[in-house]
Amino acid sequence: MALERTRILLTVAGTLWTLTQLVLILTLGVAARLRDLALRLSGNRWVQGFAFVFLLVLLLGLCDLPLAIYGHHAALGYGLSVQGWGSWFGDRAKVLGLEWLIGGLLTMLMFW
């Protein structure tokens, strides 16, 4: 029962937090600053697109990190995971790389 409550709490909190992040990124002008930074990096549209997506994915990943850490801690506590923290962070880095690659390609497809 406690594990299910934790899972539901993480799911609801994660969804609400993601929506809040996106609204804050737009209303506070963070997306515009990320765009400006990507534009300063290069004149090439591909580099700009991939730079913007990388910065956005990195920002969202860092904001989601506390909930993800808590989720992994709970999984370890209930014996659902035996993965150590080092490999867990390594897997998070791989996910970040895949999100960057796929997100960048989708962004460039939209520009095309």
PDB file of N, CA and C in Angstrom:
ATOM      1  N   MET A   1       0.829  -1.193   0.000  1.00  0.00           N
ATOM      2  CA  MET A   1       0.000   0.000   0.000  1.00  0.00           C
ATOM      3  C   MET A   1       0.876   1.260   0.000  1.00  0.00           C
ATOM      4  N   ALA A   2       1.916   1.241   0.818  1.00  0.00           N
ATOM      5  CA  ALA A   2       2.791   2.413   0.885  1.00  0.00           C
ATOM      6  C   ALA A   2       3.523   2.622  -0.440  1.00  0.00           C
ATOM      7  N   LEU A   3       3.935   1.537  -1.047  1.00  0.00           N
ATOM      8  CA  LEU A   3       4.619   1.638  -2.340  1.00  0.00           C
ATOM      9  C   LEU A   3       3.679   2.208  -3.405  1.00  0.00           C
ATOM     10  N   GLU A   4       2.437   1.769  -3.416  1.00  0.00           N
ATOM     11  CA  GLU A   4       1.475   2.270  -4.389  1.00  0.00           C
ATOM     12  C   GLU A   4       1.195   3.754  -4.156  1.00  0.00           C
ATOM     13  N   ARG A   5       1.105   4.162  -2.906  1.00  0.00           N
ATOM     14  CA  ARG A   5       0.918   5.591  -2.596  1.00  0.00           C
ATOM     15  C   ARG A   5       2.106   6.415  -3.092  1.00  0.00           C
ATOM     16  N   THR A   6       3.289   5.887  -2.890  1.00  0.00           N
ATOM     17  CA  THR A   6       4.496   6.577  -3.354  1.00  0.00           C
ATOM     18  C   THR A   6       4.500   6.682  -4.875  1.00  0.00           C
ATOM     19  N   ARG A   7       4.137   5.600  -5.553  1.00  0.00           N
ATOM     20  CA  ARG A   7       4.088   5.605  -7.013  1.00  0.00           C
ATOM     21  C   ARG A   7       3.076   6.617  -7.531  1.00  0.00           C
ATOM     22  N   ILE A   8       1.888   6.656  -6.921  1.00  0.00           N
ATOM     23  CA  ILE A   8       0.857   7.607  -7.339  1.00  0.00           C
ATOM     24  C   ILE A   8       1.317   9.031  -7.059  1.00  0.00           C
ATOM     25  N   LEU A   9       1.903   9.256  -5.896  1.00  0.00           N
ATOM     26  CA  LEU A   9       2.403  10.586  -5.539  1.00  0.00           C
ATOM     27  C   LEU A   9       3.441  11.061  -6.554  1.00  0.00           C
ATOM     28  N   LEU A  10       4.376  10.192  -6.913  1.00  0.00           N
ATOM     29  CA  LEU A  10       5.400  10.566  -7.886  1.00  0.00           C
ATOM     30  C   LEU A  10       4.803  10.830  -9.267  1.00  0.00           C
ATOM     31  N   THR A  11       3.820  10.056  -9.661  1.00  0.00           N
ATOM     32  CA  THR A  11       3.188  10.246 -10.964  1.00  0.00           C
ATOM     33  C   THR A  11       2.451  11.581 -11.019  1.00  0.00           C
ATOM     34  N   VAL A  12       1.645  11.855 -10.003  1.00  0.00           N
ATOM     35  CA  VAL A  12       0.880  13.111  -9.973  1.00  0.00           C
ATOM     36  C   VAL A  12       1.815  14.303  -9.828  1.00  0.00           C
ATOM     37  N   ALA A  13       2.750  14.216  -8.902  1.00  0.00           N
ATOM     38  CA  ALA A  13       3.681  15.325  -8.694  1.00  0.00           C
ATOM     39  C   ALA A  13       4.527  15.557  -9.941  1.00  0.00           C
ATOM     40  N   GLY A  14       4.957  14.488 -10.594  1.00  0.00           N
ATOM     41  CA  GLY A  14       5.760  14.628 -11.801  1.00  0.00           C
ATOM     42  C   GLY A  14       4.995  15.294 -12.929  1.00  0.00           C
ATOM     43  N   THR A  15       3.737  14.925 -13.088  1.00  0.00           N
ATOM     44  CA  THR A  15       2.911  15.535 -14.135  1.00  0.00           C
ATOM     45  C   THR A  15       2.679  17.013 -13.859  1.00  0.00           C
ATOM     46  N   LEU A  16       2.299  17.326 -12.632  1.00  0.00           N
ATOM     47  CA  LEU A  16       2.070  18.732 -12.271  1.00  0.00           C
ATOM     48  C   LEU A  16       3.350  19.551 -12.365  1.00  0.00           C
ATOM     49  N   TRP A  17       4.459  18.972 -11.952  1.00  0.00           N
ATOM     50  CA  TRP A  17       5.734  19.679 -11.991  1.00  0.00           C
ATOM     51  C   TRP A  17       6.170  19.933 -13.435  1.00  0.00           C
ATOM     52  N   THR A  18       5.958  18.975 -14.310  1.00  0.00           N
ATOM     53  CA  THR A  18       6.314  19.154 -15.720  1.00  0.00           C
ATOM     54  C   THR A  18       5.494  20.283 -16.343  1.00  0.00           C
ATOM     55  N   LEU A  19       4.200  20.293 -16.085  1.00  0.00           N
ATOM     56  CA  LEU A  19       3.355  21.373 -16.606  1.00  0.00           C
ATOM     57  C   LEU A  19       3.783  22.723 -16.047  1.00  0.00           C
ATOM     58  N   THR A  20       4.096  22.758 -14.765  1.00  0.00           N
ATOM     59  CA  THR A  20       4.542  24.003 -14.130  1.00  0.00           C
ATOM     60  C   THR A  20       5.852  24.475 -14.752  1.00  0.00           C
ATOM     61  N   GLN A  21       6.774  23.551 -14.973  1.00  0.00           N
ATOM     62  CA  GLN A  21       8.058  23.907 -15.592  1.00  0.00           C
ATOM     63  C   GLN A  21       7.852  24.548 -16.956  1.00  0.00           C
ATOM     64  N   LEU A  22       7.027  23.919 -17.777  1.00  0.00           N
ATOM     65  CA  LEU A  22       6.811  24.430 -19.124  1.00  0.00           C
ATOM     66  C   LEU A  22       6.178  25.819 -19.108  1.00  0.00           C
ATOM     67  N   VAL A  23       5.206  26.020 -18.223  1.00  0.00           N
ATOM     68  CA  VAL A  23       4.574  27.340 -18.107  1.00  0.00           C
ATOM     69  C   VAL A  23       5.596  28.373 -17.640  1.00  0.00           C
ATOM     70  N   LEU A  24       6.407  28.028 -16.654  1.00  0.00           N
ATOM     71  CA  LEU A  24       7.418  28.960 -16.153  1.00  0.00           C
ATOM     72  C   LEU A  24       8.477  29.265 -17.218  1.00  0.00           C
ATOM     73  N   ILE A  25       8.882  28.262 -17.962  1.00  0.00           N
ATOM     74  CA  ILE A  25       9.885  28.479 -19.017  1.00  0.00           C
ATOM     75  C   ILE A  25       9.359  29.465 -20.053  1.00  0.00           C
ATOM     76  N   LEU A  26       8.085  29.365 -20.375  1.00  0.00           N
ATOM     77  CA  LEU A  26       7.507  30.280 -21.355  1.00  0.00           C
ATOM     78  C   LEU A  26       7.244  31.666 -20.769  1.00  0.00           C
ATOM     79  N   THR A  27       6.643  31.738 -19.590  1.00  0.00           N
ATOM     80  CA  THR A  27       6.258  33.039 -19.031  1.00  0.00           C
ATOM     81  C   THR A  27       7.446  33.856 -18.527  1.00  0.00           C
ATOM     82  N   LEU A  28       8.478  33.199 -18.054  1.00  0.00           N
ATOM     83  CA  LEU A  28       9.649  33.924 -17.551  1.00  0.00           C
ATOM     84  C   LEU A  28      10.648  34.271 -18.652  1.00  0.00           C
ATOM     85  N   GLY A  29      10.373  33.841 -19.865  1.00  0.00           N
ATOM     86  CA  GLY A  29      11.245  34.167 -20.980  1.00  0.00           C
ATOM     87  C   GLY A  29      12.499  33.312 -21.063  1.00  0.00           C
ATOM     88  N   VAL A  30      12.507  32.202 -20.358  1.00  0.00           N
ATOM     89  CA  VAL A  30      13.678  31.321 -20.386  1.00  0.00           C
ATOM     90  C   VAL A  30      13.859  30.730 -21.783  1.00  0.00           C
ATOM     91  N   ALA A  31      12.760  30.377 -22.432  1.00  0.00           N
ATOM     92  CA  ALA A  31      12.853  29.813 -23.786  1.00  0.00           C
ATOM     93  C   ALA A  31      13.478  30.821 -24.745  1.00  0.00           C
ATOM     94  N   ALA A  32      13.115  32.094 -24.600  1.00  0.00           N
ATOM     95  CA  ALA A  32      13.689  33.127 -25.476  1.00  0.00           C
ATOM     96  C   ALA A  32      15.188  33.275 -25.212  1.00  0.00           C
ATOM     97  N   ARG A  33      15.598  33.189 -23.947  1.00  0.00           N
ATOM     98  CA  ARG A  33      17.030  33.288 -23.632  1.00  0.00           C
ATOM     99  C   ARG A  33      17.798  32.090 -24.180  1.00  0.00           C
ATOM    100  N   LEU A  34      17.190  30.908 -24.092  1.00  0.00           N
ATOM    101  CA  LEU A  34      17.833  29.723 -24.656  1.00  0.00           C
ATOM    102  C   LEU A  34      17.950  29.858 -26.167  1.00  0.00           C
ATOM    103  N   ARG A  35      16.910  30.393 -26.802  1.00  0.00           N
ATOM    104  CA  ARG A  35      16.951  30.618 -28.253  1.00  0.00           C
ATOM    105  C   ARG A  35      18.064  31.589 -28.617  1.00  0.00           C
ATOM    106  N   ASP A  36      18.147  32.697 -27.872  1.00  0.00           N
ATOM    107  CA  ASP A  36      19.182  33.690 -28.151  1.00  0.00           C
ATOM    108  C   ASP A  36      20.581  33.102 -27.993  1.00  0.00           C
ATOM    109  N   LEU A  37      20.761  32.280 -26.975  1.00  0.00           N
ATOM    110  CA  LEU A  37      22.053  31.628 -26.768  1.00  0.00           C
ATOM    111  C   LEU A  37      22.370  30.691 -27.933  1.00  0.00           C
ATOM    112  N   ALA A  38      21.391  29.935 -28.375  1.00  0.00           N
ATOM    113  CA  ALA A  38      21.599  29.022 -29.505  1.00  0.00           C
ATOM    114  C   ALA A  38      21.917  29.807 -30.779  1.00  0.00           C
ATOM    115  N   LEU A  39      21.273  30.952 -30.965  1.00  0.00           N
ATOM    116  CA  LEU A  39      21.539  31.771 -32.148  1.00  0.00           C
ATOM    117  C   LEU A  39      22.951  32.338 -32.146  1.00  0.00           C
ATOM    118  N   ARG A  40      23.471  32.671 -30.957  1.00  0.00           N
ATOM    119  CA  ARG A  40      24.824  33.217 -30.858  1.00  0.00           C
ATOM    120  C   ARG A  40      25.893  32.156 -31.111  1.00  0.00           C
ATOM    121  N   LEU A  41      25.558  30.895 -30.909  1.00  0.00           N
ATOM    122  CA  LEU A  41      26.548  29.828 -31.069  1.00  0.00           C
ATOM    123  C   LEU A  41      26.971  29.630 -32.514  1.00  0.00           C
ATOM    124  N   SER A  42      26.032  29.773 -33.440  1.00  0.00           N
ATOM    125  CA  SER A  42      26.352  29.480 -34.839  1.00  0.00           C
ATOM    126  C   SER A  42      25.309  30.108 -35.756  1.00  0.00           C
ATOM    127  N   GLY A  43      25.683  30.275 -37.003  1.00  0.00           N
ATOM    128  CA  GLY A  43      24.751  30.748 -38.005  1.00  0.00           C
ATOM    129  C   GLY A  43      24.036  29.597 -38.699  1.00  0.00           C
ATOM    130  N   ASN A  44      24.479  28.388 -38.445  1.00  0.00           N
ATOM    131  CA  ASN A  44      23.898  27.199 -39.038  1.00  0.00           C
ATOM    132  C   ASN A  44      22.609  26.827 -38.313  1.00  0.00           C
ATOM    133  N   ARG A  45      21.511  26.670 -39.060  1.00  0.00           N
ATOM    134  CA  ARG A  45      20.209  26.357 -38.449  1.00  0.00           C
ATOM    135  C   ARG A  45      20.224  25.014 -37.726  1.00  0.00           C
ATOM    136  N   TRP A  46      20.975  24.038 -38.266  1.00  0.00           N
ATOM    137  CA  TRP A  46      21.037  22.737 -37.609  1.00  0.00           C
ATOM    138  C   TRP A  46      21.710  22.846 -36.245  1.00  0.00           C
ATOM    139  N   VAL A  47      22.801  23.560 -36.192  1.00  0.00           N
ATOM    140  CA  VAL A  47      23.514  23.739 -34.916  1.00  0.00           C
ATOM    141  C   VAL A  47      22.621  24.500 -33.940  1.00  0.00           C
ATOM    142  N   GLN A  48      21.952  25.531 -34.419  1.00  0.00           N
ATOM    143  CA  GLN A  48      21.052  26.310 -33.565  1.00  0.00           C
ATOM    144  C   GLN A  48      19.927  25.432 -33.013  1.00  0.00           C
ATOM    145  N   GLY A  49      19.322  24.636 -33.879  1.00  0.00           N
ATOM    146  CA  GLY A  49      18.225  23.766 -33.448  1.00  0.00           C
ATOM    147  C   GLY A  49      18.672  22.754 -32.417  1.00  0.00           C
ATOM    148  N   PHE A  50      19.790  22.088 -32.695  1.00  0.00           N
ATOM    149  CA  PHE A  50      20.272  21.085 -31.751  1.00  0.00           C
ATOM    150  C   PHE A  50      20.764  21.722 -30.449  1.00  0.00           C
ATOM    151  N   ALA A  51      21.337  22.920 -30.525  1.00  0.00           N
ATOM    152  CA  ALA A  51      21.782  23.609 -29.308  1.00  0.00           C
ATOM    153  C   ALA A  51      20.583  23.992 -28.446  1.00  0.00           C
ATOM    154  N   PHE A  52      19.538  24.525 -29.066  1.00  0.00           N
ATOM    155  CA  PHE A  52      18.343  24.895 -28.305  1.00  0.00           C
ATOM    156  C   PHE A  52      17.712  23.678 -27.643  1.00  0.00           C
ATOM    157  N   VAL A  53      17.568  22.601 -28.403  1.00  0.00           N
ATOM    158  CA  VAL A  53      16.974  21.386 -27.847  1.00  0.00           C
ATOM    159  C   VAL A  53      17.835  20.839 -26.720  1.00  0.00           C
ATOM    160  N   PHE A  54      19.159  20.870 -26.888  1.00  0.00           N
ATOM    161  CA  PHE A  54      20.045  20.385 -25.829  1.00  0.00           C
ATOM    162  C   PHE A  54      19.856  21.200 -24.550  1.00  0.00           C
ATOM    163  N   LEU A  55      19.843  22.510 -24.675  1.00  0.00           N
ATOM    164  CA  LEU A  55      19.681  23.368 -23.499  1.00  0.00           C
ATOM    165  C   LEU A  55      18.333  23.144 -22.834  1.00  0.00           C
ATOM    166  N   LEU A  56      17.283  23.002 -23.627  1.00  0.00           N
ATOM    167  CA  LEU A  56      15.951  22.783 -23.071  1.00  0.00           C
ATOM    168  C   LEU A  56      15.850  21.426 -22.388  1.00  0.00           C
ATOM    169  N   VAL A  57      16.356  20.382 -23.032  1.00  0.00           N
ATOM    170  CA  VAL A  57      16.312  19.043 -22.439  1.00  0.00           C
ATOM    171  C   VAL A  57      17.153  18.997 -21.166  1.00  0.00           C
ATOM    172  N   LEU A  58      18.303  19.645 -21.171  1.00  0.00           N
ATOM    173  CA  LEU A  58      19.148  19.691 -19.983  1.00  0.00           C
ATOM    174  C   LEU A  58      18.448  20.409 -18.836  1.00  0.00           C
ATOM    175  N   LEU A  59      17.835  21.546 -19.124  1.00  0.00           N
ATOM    176  CA  LEU A  59      17.106  22.297 -18.091  1.00  0.00           C
ATOM    177  C   LEU A  59      15.973  21.472 -17.510  1.00  0.00           C
ATOM    178  N   LEU A  60      15.171  20.863 -18.367  1.00  0.00           N
ATOM    179  CA  LEU A  60      14.056  20.047 -17.882  1.00  0.00           C
ATOM    180  C   LEU A  60      14.563  18.829 -17.096  1.00  0.00           C
ATOM    181  N   GLY A  61      15.640  18.229 -17.564  1.00  0.00           N
ATOM    182  CA  GLY A  61      16.204  17.085 -16.851  1.00  0.00           C
ATOM    183  C   GLY A  61      16.713  17.446 -15.464  1.00  0.00           C
ATOM    184  N   LEU A  62      17.351  18.604 -15.353  1.00  0.00           N
ATOM    185  CA  LEU A  62      17.830  19.049 -14.039  1.00  0.00           C
ATOM    186  C   LEU A  62      16.675  19.384 -13.104  1.00  0.00           C
ATOM    187  N   CYS A  63      15.619  19.951 -13.658  1.00  0.00           N
ATOM    188  CA  CYS A  63      14.448  20.270 -12.823  1.00  0.00           C
ATOM    189  C   CYS A  63      13.732  19.002 -12.362  1.00  0.00           C
ATOM    190  N   ASP A  64      13.748  17.961 -13.181  1.00  0.00           N
ATOM    191  CA  ASP A  64      13.087  16.699 -12.828  1.00  0.00           C
ATOM    192  C   ASP A  64      13.943  15.804 -11.930  1.00  0.00           C
ATOM    193  N   LEU A  65      15.201  16.145 -11.779  1.00  0.00           N
ATOM    194  CA  LEU A  65      16.137  15.278 -11.063  1.00  0.00           C
ATOM    195  C   LEU A  65      15.720  14.978  -9.612  1.00  0.00           C
ATOM    196  N   PRO A  66      15.255  15.949  -8.817  1.00  0.00           N
ATOM    197  CA  PRO A  66      14.880  15.597  -7.439  1.00  0.00           C
ATOM    198  C   PRO A  66      13.790  14.529  -7.349  1.00  0.00           C
ATOM    199  N   LEU A  67      12.758  14.626  -8.180  1.00  0.00           N
ATOM    200  CA  LEU A  67      11.708  13.601  -8.157  1.00  0.00           C
ATOM    201  C   LEU A  67      12.245  12.252  -8.635  1.00  0.00           C
ATOM    202  N   ALA A  68      13.103  12.274  -9.631  1.00  0.00           N
ATOM    203  CA  ALA A  68      13.683  11.025 -10.134  1.00  0.00           C
ATOM    204  C   ALA A  68      14.563  10.368  -9.073  1.00  0.00           C
ATOM    205  N   ILE A  69      15.331  11.173  -8.362  1.00  0.00           N
ATOM    206  CA  ILE A  69      16.177  10.636  -7.293  1.00  0.00           C
ATOM    207  C   ILE A  69      15.310  10.018  -6.199  1.00  0.00           C
ATOM    208  N   TYR A  70      14.241  10.710  -5.824  1.00  0.00           N
ATOM    209  CA  TYR A  70      13.342  10.161  -4.808  1.00  0.00           C
ATOM    210  C   TYR A  70      12.720   8.854  -5.281  1.00  0.00           C
ATOM    211  N   GLY A  71      12.320   8.800  -6.554  1.00  0.00           N
ATOM    212  CA  GLY A  71      11.740   7.579  -7.093  1.00  0.00           C
ATOM    213  C   GLY A  71      12.717   6.412  -7.063  1.00  0.00           C
ATOM    214  N   HIS A  72      13.966   6.682  -7.411  1.00  0.00           N
ATOM    215  CA  HIS A  72      14.962   5.606  -7.375  1.00  0.00           C
ATOM    216  C   HIS A  72      15.252   5.193  -5.935  1.00  0.00           C
ATOM    217  N   HIS A  73      15.303   6.158  -5.038  1.00  0.00           N
ATOM    218  CA  HIS A  73      15.513   5.849  -3.617  1.00  0.00           C
ATOM    219  C   HIS A  73      14.393   4.950  -3.097  1.00  0.00           C
ATOM    220  N   ALA A  74      13.147   5.262  -3.475  1.00  0.00           N
ATOM    221  CA  ALA A  74      12.011   4.437  -3.049  1.00  0.00           C
ATOM    222  C   ALA A  74      12.112   3.035  -3.649  1.00  0.00           C
ATOM    223  N   ALA A  75      12.494   2.948  -4.924  1.00  0.00           N
ATOM    224  CA  ALA A  75      12.631   1.639  -5.566  1.00  0.00           C
ATOM    225  C   ALA A  75      13.703   0.800  -4.881  1.00  0.00           C
ATOM    226  N   LEU A  76      14.784   1.443  -4.487  1.00  0.00           N
ATOM    227  CA  LEU A  76      15.826   0.727  -3.748  1.00  0.00           C
ATOM    228  C   LEU A  76      15.309   0.281  -2.384  1.00  0.00           C
ATOM    229  N   GLY A  77      14.583   1.168  -1.717  1.00  0.00           N
ATOM    230  CA  GLY A  77      14.070   0.861  -0.391  1.00  0.00           C
ATOM    231  C   GLY A  77      13.104  -0.310  -0.372  1.00  0.00           C
ATOM    232  N   TYR A  78      12.309  -0.449  -1.415  1.00  0.00           N
ATOM    233  CA  TYR A  78      11.340  -1.545  -1.490  1.00  0.00           C
ATOM    234  C   TYR A  78      11.890  -2.773  -2.211  1.00  0.00           C
ATOM    235  N   GLY A  79      13.148  -2.718  -2.594  1.00  0.00           N
ATOM    236  CA  GLY A  79      13.769  -3.866  -3.240  1.00  0.00           C
ATOM    237  C   GLY A  79      13.360  -4.059  -4.691  1.00  0.00           C
ATOM    238  N   LEU A  80      12.787  -3.049  -5.300  1.00  0.00           N
ATOM    239  CA  LEU A  80      12.386  -3.151  -6.704  1.00  0.00           C
ATOM    240  C   LEU A  80      13.548  -2.897  -7.645  1.00  0.00           C
ATOM    241  N   SER A  81      14.615  -2.300  -7.133  1.00  0.00           N
ATOM    242  CA  SER A  81      15.787  -2.016  -7.939  1.00  0.00           C
ATOM    243  C   SER A  81      17.035  -2.387  -7.150  1.00  0.00           C
ATOM    244  N   VAL A  82      18.018  -2.890  -7.867  1.00  0.00           N
ATOM    245  CA  VAL A  82      19.314  -3.173  -7.251  1.00  0.00           C
ATOM    246  C   VAL A  82      20.397  -2.353  -7.933  1.00  0.00           C
ATOM    247  N   GLN A  83      19.973  -1.447  -8.817  1.00  0.00           N
ATOM    248  CA  GLN A  83      20.915  -0.631  -9.578  1.00  0.00           C
ATOM    249  C   GLN A  83      21.558   0.410  -8.670  1.00  0.00           C
ATOM    250  N   GLY A  84      22.876   0.511  -8.732  1.00  0.00           N
ATOM    251  CA  GLY A  84      23.594   1.498  -7.936  1.00  0.00           C
ATOM    252  C   GLY A  84      23.401   2.899  -8.486  1.00  0.00           C
ATOM    253  N   TRP A  85      23.783   3.873  -7.668  1.00  0.00           N
ATOM    254  CA  TRP A  85      23.575   5.263  -8.060  1.00  0.00           C
ATOM    255  C   TRP A  85      24.418   5.669  -9.263  1.00  0.00           C
ATOM    256  N   GLY A  86      25.631   5.147  -9.353  1.00  0.00           N
ATOM    257  CA  GLY A  86      26.497   5.501 -10.483  1.00  0.00           C
ATOM    258  C   GLY A  86      25.907   5.079 -11.817  1.00  0.00           C
ATOM    259  N   SER A  87      25.468   3.834 -11.894  1.00  0.00           N
ATOM    260  CA  SER A  87      24.880   3.376 -13.146  1.00  0.00           C
ATOM    261  C   SER A  87      23.519   4.022 -13.388  1.00  0.00           C
ATOM    262  N   TRP A  88      22.812   4.363 -12.314  1.00  0.00           N
ATOM    263  CA  TRP A  88      21.527   5.059 -12.466  1.00  0.00           C
ATOM    264  C   TRP A  88      21.745   6.429 -13.104  1.00  0.00           C
ATOM    265  N   PHE A  89      22.750   7.165 -12.611  1.00  0.00           N
ATOM    266  CA  PHE A  89      23.061   8.463 -13.226  1.00  0.00           C
ATOM    267  C   PHE A  89      23.560   8.285 -14.661  1.00  0.00           C
ATOM    268  N   GLY A  90      24.292   7.214 -14.909  1.00  0.00           N
ATOM    269  CA  GLY A  90      24.727   6.919 -16.273  1.00  0.00           C
ATOM    270  C   GLY A  90      23.541   6.688 -17.204  1.00  0.00           C
ATOM    271  N   ASP A  91      22.546   5.953 -16.712  1.00  0.00           N
ATOM    272  CA  ASP A  91      21.339   5.736 -17.512  1.00  0.00           C
ATOM    273  C   ASP A  91      20.592   7.039 -17.753  1.00  0.00           C
ATOM    274  N   ARG A  92      20.562   7.910 -16.752  1.00  0.00           N
ATOM    275  CA  ARG A  92      19.910   9.222 -16.930  1.00  0.00           C
ATOM    276  C   ARG A  92      20.626  10.030 -18.009  1.00  0.00           C
ATOM    277  N   ALA A  93      21.959   9.942 -18.033  1.00  0.00           N
ATOM    278  CA  ALA A  93      22.731  10.652 -19.056  1.00  0.00           C
ATOM    279  C   ALA A  93      22.436  10.086 -20.447  1.00  0.00           C
ATOM    280  N   LYS A  94      22.281   8.765 -20.550  1.00  0.00           N
ATOM    281  CA  LYS A  94      21.939   8.153 -21.834  1.00  0.00           C
ATOM    282  C   LYS A  94      20.562   8.613 -22.304  1.00  0.00           C
ATOM    283  N   VAL A  95      19.613   8.691 -21.383  1.00  0.00           N
ATOM    284  CA  VAL A  95      18.274   9.173 -21.721  1.00  0.00           C
ATOM    285  C   VAL A  95      18.351  10.613 -22.204  1.00  0.00           C
ATOM    286  N   LEU A  96      19.145  11.436 -21.529  1.00  0.00           N
ATOM    287  CA  LEU A  96      19.321  12.829 -21.945  1.00  0.00           C
ATOM    288  C   LEU A  96      19.870  12.893 -23.370  1.00  0.00           C
ATOM    289  N   GLY A  97      20.848  12.059 -23.670  1.00  0.00           N
ATOM    290  CA  GLY A  97      21.423  12.029 -25.012  1.00  0.00           C
ATOM    291  C   GLY A  97      20.411  11.605 -26.067  1.00  0.00           C
ATOM    292  N   LEU A  98      19.613  10.589 -25.761  1.00  0.00           N
ATOM    293  CA  LEU A  98      18.591  10.147 -26.711  1.00  0.00           C
ATOM    294  C   LEU A  98      17.510  11.202 -26.906  1.00  0.00           C
ATOM    295  N   GLU A  99      17.094  11.846 -25.805  1.00  0.00           N
ATOM    296  CA  GLU A  99      16.098  12.911 -25.927  1.00  0.00           C
ATOM    297  C   GLU A  99      16.646  14.058 -26.771  1.00  0.00           C
ATOM    298  N   TRP A 100      17.926  14.365 -26.603  1.00  0.00           N
ATOM    299  CA  TRP A 100      18.549  15.437 -27.382  1.00  0.00           C
ATOM    300  C   TRP A 100      18.582  15.072 -28.865  1.00  0.00           C
ATOM    301  N   LEU A 101      19.015  13.856 -29.164  1.00  0.00           N
ATOM    302  CA  LEU A 101      19.104  13.423 -30.547  1.00  0.00           C
ATOM    303  C   LEU A 101      17.731  13.397 -31.216  1.00  0.00           C
ATOM    304  N   ILE A 102      16.779  12.732 -30.594  1.00  0.00           N
ATOM    305  CA  ILE A 102      15.446  12.616 -31.191  1.00  0.00           C
ATOM    306  C   ILE A 102      14.743  13.965 -31.217  1.00  0.00           C
ATOM    307  N   GLY A 103      14.849  14.724 -30.115  1.00  0.00           N
ATOM    308  CA  GLY A 103      14.238  16.053 -30.080  1.00  0.00           C
ATOM    309  C   GLY A 103      14.833  16.989 -31.107  1.00  0.00           C
ATOM    310  N   GLY A 104      16.148  16.933 -31.289  1.00  0.00           N
ATOM    311  CA  GLY A 104      16.807  17.768 -32.285  1.00  0.00           C
ATOM    312  C   GLY A 104      16.368  17.415 -33.695  1.00  0.00           C
ATOM    313  N   LEU A 105      16.285  16.119 -33.978  1.00  0.00           N
ATOM    314  CA  LEU A 105      15.843  15.693 -35.298  1.00  0.00           C
ATOM    315  C   LEU A 105      14.397  16.098 -35.559  1.00  0.00           C
ATOM    316  N   LEU A 106      13.547  15.949 -34.564  1.00  0.00           N
ATOM    317  CA  LEU A 106      12.134  16.348 -34.723  1.00  0.00           C
ATOM    318  C   LEU A 106      12.015  17.863 -34.897  1.00  0.00           C
ATOM    319  N   THR A 107      12.834  18.602 -34.177  1.00  0.00           N
ATOM    320  CA  THR A 107      12.826  20.067 -34.324  1.00  0.00           C
ATOM    321  C   THR A 107      13.235  20.456 -35.725  1.00  0.00           C
ATOM    322  N   MET A 108      14.283  19.836 -36.242  1.00  0.00           N
ATOM    323  CA  MET A 108      14.734  20.172 -37.583  1.00  0.00           C
ATOM    324  C   MET A 108      13.725  19.729 -38.637  1.00  0.00           C
ATOM    325  N   LEU A 109      13.025  18.624 -38.376  1.00  0.00           N
ATOM    326  CA  LEU A 109      11.974  18.201 -39.286  1.00  0.00           C
ATOM    327  C   LEU A 109      10.853  19.229 -39.325  1.00  0.00           C
ATOM    328  N   MET A 110      10.513  19.798 -38.178  1.00  0.00           N
ATOM    329  CA  MET A 110       9.478  20.842 -38.138  1.00  0.00           C
ATOM    330  C   MET A 110       9.932  22.104 -38.881  1.00  0.00           C
ATOM    331  N   PHE A 111      11.207  22.450 -38.765  1.00  0.00           N
ATOM    332  CA  PHE A 111      11.716  23.619 -39.486  1.00  0.00           C
ATOM    333  C   PHE A 111      11.716  23.390 -40.991  1.00  0.00           C
ATOM    334  N   TRP A 112      11.946  22.155 -41.408  1.00  0.00           N
ATOM    335  CA  TRP A 112      12.005  21.819 -42.808  1.00  0.00           C
ATOM    336  C   TRP A 112      10.634  21.964 -43.403  1.00  0.00           C
TER     337      TRP A 112
END
